[in-house]
C-alpha cells in the first residue's frame, strides 16, 4: 500500500480541500496521514497558504524543509498545492526544482489525477471525529484593498445545496456533531445560483440533519449581512450564539481605503443591532493595523472602539503589502514595522484584559460544553462561544465517565489565564 502524508498550512478552507483529496486517494488504495513526520510517507503533499507575509514564509519554509528531506532520500515524491503555488507557481518551480509538481488552489482534480486518485464524495476527517468544517463556497467577489484572495481563489462560486446537504449528512453519519460553516464570505451563498442570498435557507436545512447538534458560522462580511440569518441565529437552538465577522478597522479613512463597503458609524450600528437581536452572542473579529496611512489617531479610535464594544474574541494582523491588490499596487507601505508590531501588541493587551473580565462573569454559572480531547489531567472542552484552535477552552479535571465528543453541563469554577476557564462536574 502506498503511503501519503498531507501537510496542511493556512486556514480551515485549505483543510477541507486536503480532506477531500485524502478521501479520493484512499479510494485509490493510498494510506493517508495528516501532518505526519517528514518521513511518515514516501509521498508528501504540502497544501500551502499565500494570504499574508508570515503565512507565505511558513509555506516556503515547509517546502524547503521537505525539499531537503527529499535530497536526503527520506521521501520519494513531493508535491505542492494551494494558494502559494497558485500565485507563485512559476517562481517556485524555478527556485525549488526538487518539487515534483506544483498545483494551484483550484487544481484539486489535477493533483488527484497525478496521484491516480479515484472520485469520491466522502471526506477523510483530519479534525477530531465530532466536528468538521463545511465549506459552502469558493472564491470571493469582494475587492478589499489589502486582500489577494480573489486573485488566488477566483470569483465567488456557491457549492450547490444538494452537494452540501449530502456532505453534511455523510459527516453526521461518521459521528460529526458540530458543523463549522466556512467560506471567504458565507453571506453570499446562493447569490450566483438563485440571484439572491439564501444562507438562512441552507442553515435551516442543515439544522434538520439528525445528529448535528451545533452549527457554527465563520467569516461573514459585515456589509449587507442578511437579516434573515440574524433572525435564525436568535431562533434556532442548533446555531451557536457565535459569529466570526472580520471588521478590520473602525476609522472612516481606513475603512474607505480598505474598500470595506461599510463605514465606521454603520459598523457600530450593525454591531449594536446584532447584540440586541441575538442575546448572549459571542462576536469574533479580526483587526488589521499598520495599513497604509494609518495615523496614531486612527489607531486610538480603533482601541477605543474595541474597549467599548468588548468583543468576546479578537485577533490582530499587521498589514503586509500584496502585489495585485489595490493597496499593494497603489499605496506606499509607510507604517514602520516596529510601529505595526507595537499596535498589534497594544490591541492584544487590551483584548486580553477584556477577555479576562468577560470570563470572570462566567464564574459560578452552568455551561454546556463539548469534550474535544484529553491533555494530562484535564479534559479540554469548548462552549458554544468557542471555535476550535482559535478561541479559549474550558478545562475539566479528568473523570472516567467522560469521552471525546460528549456534550455535558459543567459548573465554571474559576478563570484560567486571560482566555480559558476551569470547570467542575455538576
Protein backbone atom coordinates (compact mmCIF):
# COMPACT_ATOMS: atom_id res chain seq x y z
CA UNK A 1 0.00 0.00 0.00
CA UNK A 2 1.29 3.49 -0.93
CA UNK A 3 1.75 5.95 1.91
CA UNK A 4 0.78 9.62 1.56
CA UNK A 5 1.42 12.45 4.04
CA UNK A 6 -0.74 15.57 3.51
CA UNK A 7 0.56 18.65 5.33
CA UNK A 8 -1.96 21.50 5.54
CA UNK A 9 -0.99 25.10 6.20
CA UNK A 10 -3.25 28.13 6.46
CA UNK A 11 -6.97 28.30 7.01
CA UNK A 12 -9.73 25.76 7.54
CA UNK A 13 -10.77 26.14 3.89
CA UNK A 14 -7.44 24.59 2.94
CA UNK A 15 -8.10 21.84 5.46
CA UNK A 16 -11.35 20.90 3.71
CA UNK A 17 -9.50 20.65 0.38
CA UNK A 18 -6.93 18.37 1.97
CA UNK A 19 -9.66 16.14 3.43
CA UNK A 20 -11.34 15.78 0.03
CA UNK A 21 -8.01 14.88 -1.57
CA UNK A 22 -7.32 12.35 1.20
CA UNK A 23 -10.63 10.56 0.62
CA UNK A 24 -10.00 10.34 -3.10
CA UNK A 25 -6.53 8.92 -2.53
CA UNK A 26 -7.76 6.37 -0.01
CA UNK A 27 -10.33 5.21 -2.56
CA UNK A 28 -7.39 4.53 -4.89
CA UNK A 29 -5.55 2.47 -2.29
CA UNK A 30 -3.34 5.03 -0.58
CA UNK A 31 -2.75 5.01 3.17
CA UNK A 32 -3.09 8.68 4.18
CA UNK A 33 -1.81 10.52 7.23
CA UNK A 34 -2.26 14.22 8.01
CA UNK A 35 0.64 16.42 9.13
CA UNK A 36 2.87 13.46 9.85
CA UNK A 37 6.62 13.45 10.41
CA UNK A 38 8.77 14.22 7.41
CA UNK A 39 9.46 10.55 6.75
CA UNK A 40 5.96 9.35 7.65
CA UNK A 41 5.26 8.54 4.00
CA UNK A 42 7.12 8.17 0.73
CA UNK A 43 4.93 10.79 -0.94
CA UNK A 44 4.18 14.20 0.58
CA UNK A 45 1.67 16.86 -0.47
CA UNK A 46 2.02 20.34 1.06
CA UNK A 47 -1.17 22.42 0.92
CA UNK A 48 0.12 25.98 1.17
CA UNK A 49 -1.18 29.38 2.27
CA UNK A 50 -0.45 32.62 0.42
CA UNK A 51 -2.60 35.12 2.30
CA UNK A 52 -0.13 37.34 4.18
CA UNK A 53 3.63 37.62 4.55
CA UNK A 54 4.05 35.40 7.61
CA UNK A 55 1.83 32.67 6.15
CA UNK A 56 3.72 32.74 2.86
CA UNK A 57 7.03 32.46 4.67
CA UNK A 58 5.77 29.49 6.68
CA UNK A 59 4.77 27.77 3.44
CA UNK A 60 8.12 28.49 1.77
CA UNK A 61 9.99 27.22 4.82
CA UNK A 62 7.98 23.99 4.80
CA UNK A 63 8.63 23.44 1.09
CA UNK A 64 12.37 24.00 1.59
CA UNK A 65 12.44 21.63 4.58
CA UNK A 66 10.74 18.86 2.61
CA UNK A 67 12.91 19.53 -0.45
CA UNK A 68 15.97 18.91 1.73
CA UNK A 69 14.35 15.73 3.08
CA UNK A 70 13.89 14.54 -0.49
CA UNK A 71 17.55 15.23 -1.22
CA UNK A 72 18.44 13.06 1.78
CA UNK A 73 16.27 10.26 0.44
CA UNK A 74 13.75 10.43 3.30
CA UNK A 75 10.84 10.88 0.88
CA UNK A 76 10.43 9.91 -2.77
CA UNK A 77 7.85 12.32 -4.18
CA UNK A 78 6.98 15.89 -3.19
CA UNK A 79 4.01 17.91 -4.42
CA UNK A 80 2.89 21.44 -3.56
CA UNK A 81 -0.69 22.67 -3.91
CA UNK A 82 -2.77 25.56 -2.61
CA UNK A 83 -2.69 29.34 -2.55
CA UNK A 84 1.07 29.93 -2.59
CA UNK A 85 1.60 27.82 -5.70
CA UNK A 86 -1.47 29.39 -7.31
CA UNK A 87 0.18 32.82 -7.08
CA UNK A 88 3.86 31.98 -7.39
CA UNK A 89 3.98 28.66 -9.22
CA UNK A 90 6.44 29.75 -11.92
CA UNK A 91 8.86 31.28 -9.42
CA UNK A 92 8.67 28.26 -7.14
CA UNK A 93 9.32 25.84 -10.00
CA UNK A 94 12.44 27.77 -10.92
CA UNK A 95 13.74 28.09 -7.36
CA UNK A 96 12.88 24.66 -5.90
CA UNK A 97 13.31 22.01 -8.62
CA UNK A 98 13.19 19.20 -6.03
CA UNK A 99 9.39 19.52 -6.01
CA UNK A 100 7.91 17.04 -8.48
CA UNK A 101 4.96 19.26 -9.40
CA UNK A 102 3.14 22.40 -8.30
CA UNK A 103 -0.66 22.71 -8.45
CA UNK A 104 -2.79 25.76 -7.73
CA UNK A 105 -5.58 26.33 -5.24
CA UNK A 106 -8.18 25.48 -7.88
CA UNK A 107 -6.47 22.33 -9.17
CA UNK A 108 -7.73 19.57 -6.88
CA UNK A 109 -8.66 17.40 -9.85
CA UNK A 110 -5.19 17.83 -11.34
CA UNK A 111 -3.28 16.74 -8.24
CA UNK A 112 -5.75 13.87 -7.82
CA UNK A 113 -5.04 12.76 -11.38
CA UNK A 114 -1.28 12.98 -10.72
CA UNK A 115 -1.72 10.65 -7.75
CA UNK A 116 -4.13 8.40 -9.67
CA UNK A 117 -6.80 9.13 -7.08
CA UNK A 118 -10.37 7.99 -7.57
CA UNK A 119 -13.52 10.13 -7.49
CA UNK A 120 -15.11 10.16 -4.05
CA UNK A 121 -17.91 12.13 -2.43
CA UNK A 122 -16.54 11.33 1.03
CA UNK A 123 -14.01 13.18 3.16
CA UNK A 124 -11.30 11.80 5.38
CA UNK A 125 -11.69 13.91 8.50
CA UNK A 126 -8.46 15.27 9.96
CA UNK A 127 -10.17 17.03 12.88
CA UNK A 128 -11.43 15.24 16.00
CA UNK A 129 -14.30 13.00 14.92
CA UNK A 130 -17.06 15.09 16.49
CA UNK A 131 -16.57 18.30 14.49
CA UNK A 132 -15.85 19.16 10.87
CA UNK A 133 -15.70 22.16 8.58
CA UNK A 134 -18.27 22.55 5.82
CA UNK A 135 -17.02 24.82 3.02
CA UNK A 136 -20.09 26.24 1.32
CA UNK A 137 -18.45 28.31 -1.40
CA UNK A 138 -15.17 29.03 -3.10
CA UNK A 139 -13.59 32.34 -4.04
CA UNK A 140 -14.72 35.89 -3.31
CA UNK A 141 -16.28 38.78 -5.23
CA UNK A 142 -15.16 41.38 -2.68
CA UNK A 143 -12.23 43.59 -3.58
CA UNK A 144 -10.88 44.66 -0.21
CA UNK A 145 -7.84 46.87 -0.66
CA UNK A 146 -5.43 44.55 1.17
CA UNK A 147 -6.68 41.08 0.20
CA UNK A 148 -5.31 38.80 -2.51
CA UNK A 149 -7.87 36.01 -2.04
CA UNK A 150 -9.95 36.95 -5.14
CA UNK A 151 -6.73 36.82 -7.18
CA UNK A 152 -5.89 33.39 -5.78
CA UNK A 153 -9.25 31.68 -5.44
CA UNK A 154 -11.22 33.46 -8.16
CA UNK A 155 -14.78 34.68 -8.14
CA UNK A 156 -17.35 33.54 -5.61
CA UNK A 157 -18.93 30.18 -6.53
CA UNK A 158 -21.53 28.58 -4.25
CA UNK A 159 -21.43 24.84 -3.68
CA UNK A 160 -24.87 23.53 -4.76
CA UNK A 161 -27.25 22.86 -1.87
CA UNK A 162 -27.76 19.20 -2.70
CA UNK A 163 -23.99 18.63 -2.54
CA UNK A 164 -23.73 20.39 0.82
CA UNK A 165 -26.67 18.57 2.37
CA UNK A 166 -25.33 15.23 1.17
CA UNK A 167 -21.87 16.02 2.54
CA UNK A 168 -23.30 17.18 5.88
CA UNK A 169 -25.39 14.01 6.20
CA UNK A 170 -22.33 11.91 5.43
CA UNK A 171 -20.36 13.76 8.10
CA UNK A 172 -23.15 13.25 10.62
CA UNK A 173 -23.21 9.54 9.78
CA UNK A 174 -19.48 9.44 10.57
CA UNK A 175 -20.17 10.88 14.04
CA UNK A 176 -19.76 14.61 13.42
CA UNK A 177 -21.91 16.62 15.84
CA UNK A 178 -20.65 20.15 15.15
CA UNK A 179 -20.59 21.69 11.67
CA UNK A 180 -18.41 24.76 11.24
CA UNK A 181 -19.78 26.54 8.18
CA UNK A 182 -16.98 28.34 6.37
CA UNK A 183 -16.30 30.35 3.23
CA UNK A 184 -14.44 33.50 2.36
CA UNK A 185 -17.84 35.19 2.79
CA UNK A 186 -20.69 32.92 3.87
CA UNK A 187 -23.27 35.70 3.42
CA UNK A 188 -23.06 35.48 -0.38
CA UNK A 189 -24.04 31.83 -0.54
CA UNK A 190 -26.69 31.19 -3.18
CA UNK A 191 -26.38 34.54 -4.94
CA UNK A 192 -24.75 33.08 -8.05
CA UNK A 193 -27.24 30.18 -8.18
CA UNK A 194 -30.55 31.86 -7.33
CA UNK A 195 -29.86 35.56 -7.83
CA UNK A 196 -30.36 36.13 -4.10
CA UNK A 197 -28.63 35.24 -0.86
CA UNK A 198 -30.01 32.03 0.64
CA UNK A 199 -27.72 31.29 3.57
CA UNK A 200 -30.65 31.21 6.02
CA UNK A 201 -32.43 28.53 3.99
CA UNK A 202 -29.26 26.45 3.84
CA UNK A 203 -28.77 26.75 7.60
CA UNK A 204 -32.36 25.66 8.23
CA UNK A 205 -31.77 22.55 6.12
CA UNK A 206 -28.52 21.76 7.93
CA UNK A 207 -30.23 22.15 11.30
CA UNK A 208 -32.69 19.41 10.34
CA UNK A 209 -29.97 16.79 9.89
CA UNK A 210 -30.12 14.16 12.60
CA UNK A 211 -27.00 14.00 14.74
CA UNK A 212 -25.92 17.60 14.19
CA UNK A 213 -26.11 19.49 17.50
CA UNK A 214 -24.12 22.67 16.83
CA UNK A 215 -23.74 24.81 13.70
CA UNK A 216 -21.07 27.50 13.88
CA UNK A 217 -20.68 30.39 11.42
CA UNK A 218 -17.30 31.64 10.23
CA UNK A 219 -16.35 34.58 8.04
CA UNK A 220 -19.42 36.69 7.40
CA UNK A 221 -18.84 40.03 5.67
CA UNK A 222 -20.47 42.87 7.64
CA UNK A 223 -21.73 44.94 4.68
CA UNK A 224 -25.16 43.67 3.67
CA UNK A 225 -25.29 40.93 6.30
CA UNK A 226 -28.55 39.02 5.67
CA UNK A 227 -31.32 40.00 8.08
CA UNK A 228 -32.93 36.55 7.93
CA UNK A 229 -29.67 34.96 9.13
CA UNK A 230 -29.72 37.21 12.21
CA UNK A 231 -33.32 36.13 12.88
CA UNK A 232 -32.39 32.47 12.51
CA UNK A 233 -29.40 32.78 14.84
CA UNK A 234 -31.73 34.11 17.53
CA UNK A 235 -34.40 31.44 16.98
CA UNK A 236 -32.61 28.19 16.03
CA UNK A 237 -31.10 26.43 19.06
CA UNK A 238 -28.67 24.40 16.94
CA UNK A 239 -26.95 27.52 15.64
CA UNK A 240 -24.30 28.59 18.13
CA UNK A 241 -24.54 32.07 19.54
CA UNK A 242 -21.26 32.79 17.84
CA UNK A 243 -20.31 34.75 14.75
CA UNK A 244 -16.93 35.29 13.15
CA UNK A 245 -17.25 38.60 11.33
CA UNK A 246 -13.96 40.30 10.40
CA UNK A 247 -14.28 44.09 10.67
CA UNK A 248 -10.62 45.09 10.06
CA UNK A 249 -10.93 48.68 11.40
CA UNK A 250 -13.30 51.42 12.54
CA UNK A 251 -11.66 54.69 11.35
CA UNK A 252 -13.54 56.08 8.35
CA UNK A 253 -10.45 56.83 6.27
CA UNK A 254 -9.01 53.37 6.83
CA UNK A 255 -12.28 51.60 6.00
CA UNK A 256 -12.68 53.68 2.86
CA UNK A 257 -9.14 52.93 1.68
CA UNK A 258 -9.61 49.25 2.54
CA UNK A 259 -12.75 49.32 0.34
CA UNK A 260 -14.79 47.59 3.01
CA UNK A 261 -18.14 49.00 1.93
CA UNK A 262 -19.29 49.82 5.46
CA UNK A 263 -18.26 52.97 7.32
CA UNK A 264 -17.43 53.36 10.99
CA UNK A 265 -20.82 54.61 12.16
CA UNK A 266 -22.67 51.94 10.16
CA UNK A 267 -20.35 49.31 11.68
CA UNK A 268 -21.17 50.48 15.20
CA UNK A 269 -24.88 50.40 14.43
CA UNK A 270 -24.64 46.93 12.93
CA UNK A 271 -22.81 45.52 15.97
CA UNK A 272 -25.38 47.11 18.28
CA UNK A 273 -28.24 45.51 16.35
CA UNK A 274 -26.57 42.10 16.46
CA UNK A 275 -26.11 42.33 20.22
CA UNK A 276 -29.72 43.41 20.72
CA UNK A 277 -31.29 40.78 18.48
CA UNK A 278 -29.15 37.76 19.42
CA UNK A 279 -28.82 37.66 23.21
CA UNK A 280 -25.57 36.25 24.63
CA UNK A 281 -23.91 36.40 21.22
CA UNK A 282 -20.13 35.92 21.15
CA UNK A 283 -18.58 38.02 18.41
CA UNK A 284 -15.21 37.09 16.99
CA UNK A 285 -13.47 39.60 14.75
CA UNK A 286 -10.09 40.43 13.28
CA UNK A 287 -8.43 43.82 13.01
CA UNK A 288 -5.76 44.95 10.58
CA UNK A 289 -3.26 47.52 11.84
CA UNK A 290 -0.44 49.30 10.06
CA UNK A 291 -2.39 49.62 6.82
CA UNK A 292 -1.04 52.48 4.65
CA UNK A 293 -1.59 55.94 6.13
CA UNK A 294 -2.99 54.66 9.43
CA UNK A 295 -2.39 57.52 11.85
CA UNK A 296 -1.98 57.27 15.60
CA UNK A 297 -5.38 58.96 15.81
CA UNK A 298 -6.88 56.21 13.62
CA UNK A 299 -5.34 53.56 15.83
CA UNK A 300 -6.53 55.20 19.04
CA UNK A 301 -10.04 55.30 17.61
CA UNK A 302 -9.74 51.56 16.96
CA UNK A 303 -8.53 50.99 20.52
CA UNK A 304 -11.48 52.90 21.91
CA UNK A 305 -13.91 51.02 19.67
CA UNK A 306 -12.60 47.68 20.94
CA UNK A 307 -12.67 48.96 24.53
CA UNK A 308 -16.32 49.98 24.21
CA UNK A 309 -17.55 47.05 22.11
CA UNK A 310 -15.84 44.38 24.24
CA UNK A 311 -15.56 41.66 21.63
CA UNK A 312 -15.59 38.21 23.13
CA UNK A 313 -12.91 37.04 20.68
CA UNK A 314 -10.46 39.13 18.67
CA UNK A 315 -7.34 38.62 16.57
CA UNK A 316 -4.98 41.22 15.13
CA UNK A 317 -2.84 41.19 11.99
CA UNK A 318 -0.13 43.59 10.89
CA UNK A 319 -0.50 44.75 7.30
CA UNK A 320 1.83 43.36 4.66
CA UNK A 321 1.60 44.55 1.02
CA UNK A 322 0.37 42.02 -1.53
CA UNK A 323 1.06 42.55 -5.21
CA UNK A 324 -2.06 42.75 -7.35
CA UNK A 325 -4.15 44.31 -4.58
CA UNK A 326 -5.24 47.94 -4.53
CA UNK A 327 -3.07 48.78 -1.54
CA UNK A 328 -0.09 46.76 -2.70
CA UNK A 329 -0.03 48.40 -6.13
CA UNK A 330 -1.14 51.93 -5.27
CA UNK A 331 -0.28 52.81 -1.68
CA UNK A 332 3.09 53.16 0.00
CA UNK A 333 3.72 50.75 2.86
CA UNK A 334 4.54 53.74 5.03
CA UNK A 335 3.98 52.47 8.57
CA UNK A 336 7.30 51.24 10.07
CA UNK A 337 7.39 47.59 11.12
CA UNK A 338 8.12 48.46 14.74
CA UNK A 339 5.04 50.70 14.83
CA UNK A 340 2.92 47.92 13.30
CA UNK A 341 4.14 45.43 15.89
CA UNK A 342 3.59 47.90 18.72
CA UNK A 343 0.00 48.42 17.60
CA UNK A 344 -0.59 44.68 17.39
CA UNK A 345 0.69 44.28 20.94
CA UNK A 346 -1.28 47.23 22.35
CA UNK A 347 -4.52 45.97 20.86
CA UNK A 348 -3.96 42.40 22.03
CA UNK A 349 -3.07 43.58 25.54
CA UNK A 350 -6.39 45.40 25.65
CA UNK A 351 -8.23 42.34 24.33
CA UNK A 352 -6.57 40.10 26.93
CA UNK A 353 -7.95 42.31 29.71
CA UNK A 354 -11.41 42.34 28.12
CA UNK A 355 -11.37 38.56 27.74
CA UNK A 356 -10.34 38.06 31.37
CA UNK A 357 -13.15 40.35 32.55
CA UNK A 358 -15.76 38.60 30.40
CA UNK A 359 -14.57 35.20 31.60
CA UNK A 360 -14.82 36.31 35.22
CA UNK A 361 -18.55 36.92 34.70
CA UNK A 362 -18.94 33.25 33.73
CA UNK A 363 -17.58 32.01 37.08
CA UNK A 364 -20.36 30.35 39.08
CA UNK A 365 -22.55 29.70 36.02
CA UNK A 366 -23.50 26.43 34.37
CA UNK A 367 -22.20 25.94 30.85
CA UNK A 368 -22.82 23.29 28.20
CA UNK A 369 -19.55 22.15 26.62
CA UNK A 370 -18.31 19.57 24.14
CA UNK A 371 -15.29 17.47 25.07
CA UNK A 372 -12.54 17.86 22.48
CA UNK A 373 -9.63 15.85 23.86
CA UNK A 374 -7.67 14.84 26.94
CA UNK A 375 -4.44 16.59 27.92
CA UNK A 376 -2.69 15.36 31.05
CA UNK A 377 -5.08 15.57 33.98
CA UNK A 378 -7.73 17.57 32.14
CA UNK A 379 -10.41 17.16 29.55
CA UNK A 380 -10.17 20.07 27.12
CA UNK A 381 -13.66 21.28 26.28
CA UNK A 382 -15.36 24.12 24.41
CA UNK A 383 -18.58 26.04 24.83
CA UNK A 384 -20.82 27.24 22.02
CA UNK A 385 -18.91 30.55 22.30
CA UNK A 386 -15.57 28.95 21.38
CA UNK A 387 -14.36 27.75 18.00
CA UNK A 388 -11.60 25.14 17.88
CA UNK A 389 -7.97 26.20 17.52
CA UNK A 390 -8.59 29.97 17.69
CA UNK A 391 -10.59 30.58 20.90
CA UNK A 392 -10.43 29.82 24.59
CA UNK A 393 -11.04 26.44 26.20
CA UNK A 394 -12.82 25.03 29.23
CA UNK A 395 -10.60 22.73 31.30
CA UNK A 396 -12.30 19.96 33.24
CA UNK A 397 -10.44 17.65 35.67
CA UNK A 398 -10.43 14.14 34.28
CA UNK A 399 -13.25 11.78 35.16
CA UNK A 400 -13.59 8.21 33.93
CA UNK A 401 -17.15 8.58 32.66
CA UNK A 402 -16.22 11.29 30.10
CA UNK A 403 -15.44 10.68 26.44
CA UNK A 404 -14.40 12.77 23.45
CA UNK A 405 -17.31 14.29 21.57
CA UNK A 406 -19.63 14.16 24.56
CA UNK A 407 -21.81 17.16 25.41
CA UNK A 408 -22.04 17.81 29.15
CA UNK A 409 -23.12 20.55 31.54
CA UNK A 410 -20.37 21.82 33.84
CA UNK A 411 -20.01 24.45 36.55
CA UNK A 412 -17.44 27.17 35.86
CA UNK A 413 -15.27 27.30 38.98
CA UNK A 414 -12.64 29.90 38.10
CA UNK A 415 -10.76 31.58 35.29
CA UNK A 416 -7.54 30.08 33.92
CA UNK A 417 -5.44 32.85 32.43
CA UNK A 418 -6.99 35.50 30.22
CA UNK A 419 -8.77 33.19 27.80
CA UNK A 420 -9.54 29.83 29.42
CA UNK A 421 -11.93 28.64 32.14
CA UNK A 422 -11.64 25.93 34.77
CA UNK A 423 -14.77 23.84 35.33
CA UNK A 424 -16.01 21.06 37.56
CA UNK A 425 -18.64 18.39 37.20
CA UNK A 426 -22.10 19.24 38.45
